[in-house]
C-alpha atoms as a PDB file:
ATOM      1  CA  MET A   1       0.000   0.000   0.000  1.00  0.00           C
ATOM      2  CA  ALA A   2       1.297   3.417  -0.921  1.00  0.00           C
ATOM      3  CA  ARG A   3       2.018   6.050   1.599  1.00  0.00           C
ATOM      4  CA  PRO A   4      -0.911   8.375   0.680  1.00  0.00           C
ATOM      5  CA  GLU A   5      -3.266   5.444   0.905  1.00  0.00           C
ATOM      6  CA  VAL A   6      -1.874   4.521   4.304  1.00  0.00           C
ATOM      7  CA  LEU A   7      -2.310   8.100   5.535  1.00  0.00           C
ATOM      8  CA  GLU A   8      -5.843   8.194   4.163  1.00  0.00           C
ATOM      9  CA  SER A   9      -6.578   4.858   5.812  1.00  0.00           C
ATOM     10  CA  ILE A  10      -5.240   6.150   9.136  1.00  0.00           C
ATOM     11  CA  LYS A  11      -7.303   9.349   8.826  1.00  0.00           C
ATOM     12  CA  GLN A  12     -10.371   7.281   7.998  1.00  0.00           C
ATOM     13  CA  ALA A  13      -9.727   5.064  11.031  1.00  0.00           C
ATOM     14  CA  GLU A  14      -9.323   8.174  13.223  1.00  0.00           C
ATOM     15  CA  ARG A  15     -12.600   9.597  11.897  1.00  0.00           C
ATOM     16  CA  GLU A  16     -14.347   6.323  12.590  1.00  0.00           C
ATOM     17  CA  ALA A  17     -12.803   6.198  16.068  1.00  0.00           C
ATOM     18  CA  ASP A  18     -13.941   9.792  16.711  1.00  0.00           C
ATOM     19  CA  GLU A  19     -17.463   8.869  15.581  1.00  0.00           C
ATOM     20  CA  ILE A  20     -17.450   5.807  17.832  1.00  0.00           C
ATOM     21  CA  VAL A  21     -16.250   7.902  20.780  1.00  0.00           C
ATOM     22  CA  ALA A  22     -18.848  10.608  20.038  1.00  0.00           C
ATOM     23  CA  GLU A  23     -21.597   7.990  19.812  1.00  0.00           C
ATOM     24  CA  ALA A  24     -20.397   6.380  23.026  1.00  0.00           C
ATOM     25  CA  GLU A  25     -20.353   9.757  24.792  1.00  0.00           C
ATOM     26  CA  SER A  26     -23.806  10.568  23.463  1.00  0.00           C
ATOM     27  CA  ASP A  27     -25.022   7.140  24.517  1.00  0.00           C
ATOM     28  CA  ALA A  28     -23.508   7.595  27.963  1.00  0.00           C
ATOM     29  CA  GLU A  29     -25.161  11.011  28.350  1.00  0.00           C
ATOM     30  CA  GLU A  30     -28.532   9.585  27.301  1.00  0.00           C
ATOM     31  CA  ARG A  31     -28.201   6.682  29.694  1.00  0.00           C
ATOM     32  CA  LEU A  32     -27.145   9.025  32.479  1.00  0.00           C
ATOM     33  CA  ALA A  33     -30.135  11.296  31.774  1.00  0.00           C
ATOM     34  CA  GLU A  34     -32.454   8.269  31.752  1.00  0.00           C
ATOM     35  CA  ALA A  35     -30.923   6.985  34.995  1.00  0.00           C
ATOM     36  CA  ARG A  36     -31.381  10.387  36.639  1.00  0.00           C
ATOM     37  CA  GLU A  37     -34.964  10.547  35.427  1.00  0.00           C
ATOM     38  CA  ARG A  38     -35.652   7.049  36.728  1.00  0.00           C
ATOM     39  CA  ALA A  39     -33.984   7.906  40.039  1.00  0.00           C
ATOM     40  CA  ASP A  40     -36.255  10.954  40.319  1.00  0.00           C
ATOM     41  CA  GLU A  41     -39.287   8.765  39.593  1.00  0.00           C
ATOM     42  CA  ILE A  42     -38.198   6.208  42.191  1.00  0.00           C
ATOM     43  CA  ARG A  43     -37.596   8.964  44.746  1.00  0.00           C
ATOM     44  CA  ALA A  44     -41.018  10.487  44.050  1.00  0.00           C
ATOM     45  CA  GLU A  45     -42.686   7.069  44.348  1.00  0.00           C
ATOM     46  CA  ALA A  46     -40.858   6.368  47.599  1.00  0.00           C
ATOM     47  CA  GLU A  47     -41.900   9.740  49.023  1.00  0.00           C
ATOM     48  CA  GLU A  48     -45.484   9.115  47.968  1.00  0.00           C
ATOM     49  CA  GLU A  49     -45.455   5.665  49.559  1.00  0.00           C
ATOM     50  CA  ALA A  50     -43.889   7.042  52.729  1.00  0.00           C
ATOM     51  CA  GLU A  51     -46.511   9.788  52.965  1.00  0.00           C
ATOM     52  CA  SER A  52     -49.267   7.269  52.323  1.00  0.00           C
ATOM     53  CA  GLU A  53     -47.907   4.919  54.986  1.00  0.00           C
ATOM     54  CA  ALA A  54     -47.494   7.782  57.442  1.00  0.00           C
ATOM     55  CA  GLN A  55     -51.097   8.841  56.818  1.00  0.00           C
ATOM     56  CA  GLU A  56     -52.280   5.253  57.308  1.00  0.00           C
ATOM     57  CA  ARG A  57     -50.407   5.016  60.597  1.00  0.00           C
ATOM     58  CA  LEU A  58     -51.812   8.357  61.692  1.00  0.00           C
ATOM     59  CA  ASP A  59     -55.348   7.278  60.787  1.00  0.00           C
ATOM     60  CA  THR A  60     -54.871   3.981  62.635  1.00  0.00           C
ATOM     61  CA  ALA A  61     -53.506   5.771  65.704  1.00  0.00           C
ATOM     62  CA  ARG A  62     -56.398   8.236  65.662  1.00  0.00           C
ATOM     63  CA  ALA A  63     -58.898   5.369  65.436  1.00  0.00           C
ATOM     64  CA  GLU A  64     -57.213   3.584  68.349  1.00  0.00           C
ATOM     65  CA  ILE A  65     -57.194   6.791  70.389  1.00  0.00           C
ATOM     66  CA  GLU A  66     -60.878   7.372  69.659  1.00  0.00           C
ATOM     67  CA  GLU A  67     -61.700   3.787  70.622  1.00  0.00           C
ATOM     68  CA  ARG A  68     -59.747   4.124  73.878  1.00  0.00           C
ATOM     69  CA  ARG A  69     -61.407   7.498  74.530  1.00  0.00           C
ATOM     70  CA  GLU A  70     -64.838   5.913  74.183  1.00  0.00           C
ATOM     71  CA  GLU A  71     -63.832   3.099  76.547  1.00  0.00           C
ATOM     72  CA  ILE A  72     -62.648   5.641  79.126  1.00  0.00           C
ATOM     73  CA  LEU A  73     -65.821   7.711  78.760  1.00  0.00           C
ATOM     74  CA  GLU A  74     -68.009   4.629  79.118  1.00  0.00           C
ATOM     75  CA  SER A  75     -66.070   3.563  82.194  1.00  0.00           C
ATOM     76  CA  GLY A  76     -66.467   7.078  83.603  1.00  0.00           C
ATOM     77  CA  ARG A  77     -70.216   6.989  82.939  1.00  0.00           C
ATOM     78  CA  ALA A  78     -70.506   3.628  84.707  1.00  0.00           C
ATOM     79  CA  ASP A  79     -68.533   4.952  87.692  1.00  0.00           C
ATOM     80  CA  ARG A  80     -70.711   8.060  87.793  1.00  0.00           C
ATOM     81  CA  ASP A  81     -73.898   5.988  87.699  1.00  0.00           C
ATOM     82  CA  GLU A  82     -72.616   3.824  90.552  1.00  0.00           C
ATOM     83  CA  LEU A  83     -71.692   6.882  92.613  1.00  0.00           C
ATOM     84  CA  GLU A  84     -75.136   8.377  91.992  1.00  0.00           C
ATOM     85  CA  ARG A  85     -76.805   5.132  93.112  1.00  0.00           C
ATOM     86  CA  GLU A  86     -74.679   5.050  96.246  1.00  0.00           C
ATOM     87  CA  ALA A  87     -75.457   8.711  96.927  1.00  0.00           C
ATOM     88  CA  ARG A  88     -79.212   8.086  96.569  1.00  0.00           C
ATOM     89  CA  ASP A  89     -78.953   5.155  98.964  1.00  0.00           C
ATOM     90  CA  ARG A  90     -77.078   7.326 101.432  1.00  0.00           C
ATOM     91  CA  VAL A  91     -79.589  10.164 101.102  1.00  0.00           C
ATOM     92  CA  GLU A  92     -82.424   7.768 101.945  1.00  0.00           C
ATOM     93  CA  SER A  93     -80.461   6.445 104.925  1.00  0.00           C
ATOM     94  CA  ALA A  94     -79.593   9.984 106.023  1.00  0.00           C
ATOM     95  CA  VAL A  95     -83.262  11.060 105.766  1.00  0.00           C
ATOM     96  CA  ASP A  96     -84.366   7.981 107.715  1.00  0.00           C
ATOM     97  CA  TYR A  97     -81.752   8.702 110.370  1.00  0.00           C
ATOM     98  CA  ALA A  98     -82.738  12.387 110.576  1.00  0.00           C
ATOM     99  CA  VAL A  99     -86.431  11.484 110.872  1.00  0.00           C
ATOM    100  CA  GLU A 100     -85.644   8.949 113.604  1.00  0.00           C
ATOM    101  CA  ARG A 101     -83.562  11.505 115.517  1.00  0.00           C
ATOM    102  CA  PHE A 102     -86.282  14.125 115.085  1.00  0.00           C
ATOM    103  CA  GLU A 103     -88.973  11.748 116.276  1.00  0.00           C
ATOM    104  CA  ALA A 104     -86.815  10.728 119.241  1.00  0.00           C
ATOM    105  CA  ALA A 105     -86.223  14.382 120.144  1.00  0.00           C
ATOM    106  CA  VAL A 106     -89.935  15.188 119.838  1.00  0.00           C
ATOM    107  CA  HIS A 107     -90.825  12.133 121.873  1.00  0.00           C
ATOM    108  CA  GLU A 108     -88.239  13.099 124.516  1.00  0.00           C
ATOM    109  CA  GLN A 109     -89.578  16.648 124.693  1.00  0.00           C
ATOM    110  CA  ALA A 110     -93.109  15.355 124.922  1.00  0.00           C
ATOM    111  CA  GLU A 111     -92.139  13.088 127.826  1.00  0.00           C
ATOM    112  CA  GLU A 112     -90.393  15.982 129.550  1.00  0.00           C
ATOM    113  CA  ALA A 113     -93.463  18.130 129.076  1.00  0.00           C
ATOM    114  CA  VAL A 114     -95.674  15.388 130.503  1.00  0.00           C
ATOM    115  CA  ASP A 115     -93.270  14.877 133.408  1.00  0.00           C
ATOM    116  CA  ALA A 116     -93.149  18.614 134.008  1.00  0.00           C
ATOM    117  CA  GLN A 117     -96.955  18.779 134.236  1.00  0.00           C
ATOM    118  CA  ALA A 118     -97.191  15.890 136.556  1.00  0.00           C
END
């Protein structure tokens, strides 16, 4: 092969190598852009899932708190009802006791009055 042909062949090989490198760089940039885009999508999906899970946990906790609140209120109502019943029973006993004491005092005064007249 003659020298000019060899030089032309080398130049052609260099051009082809430059094209291959340019294509590879372009390919790499495209892949990198796609990878970044996919990473952004994955990040957005993960954030969405995390927010959704956090909301679910919050809703579950609120439901449990409400359930426990109702249990406490019901227990408080039952305690209140029992205390009211006990108070009514005590009022009746207190009234009975007061009436007995009053009757005893009246009876005692009546006996003293009778004794004083006799």
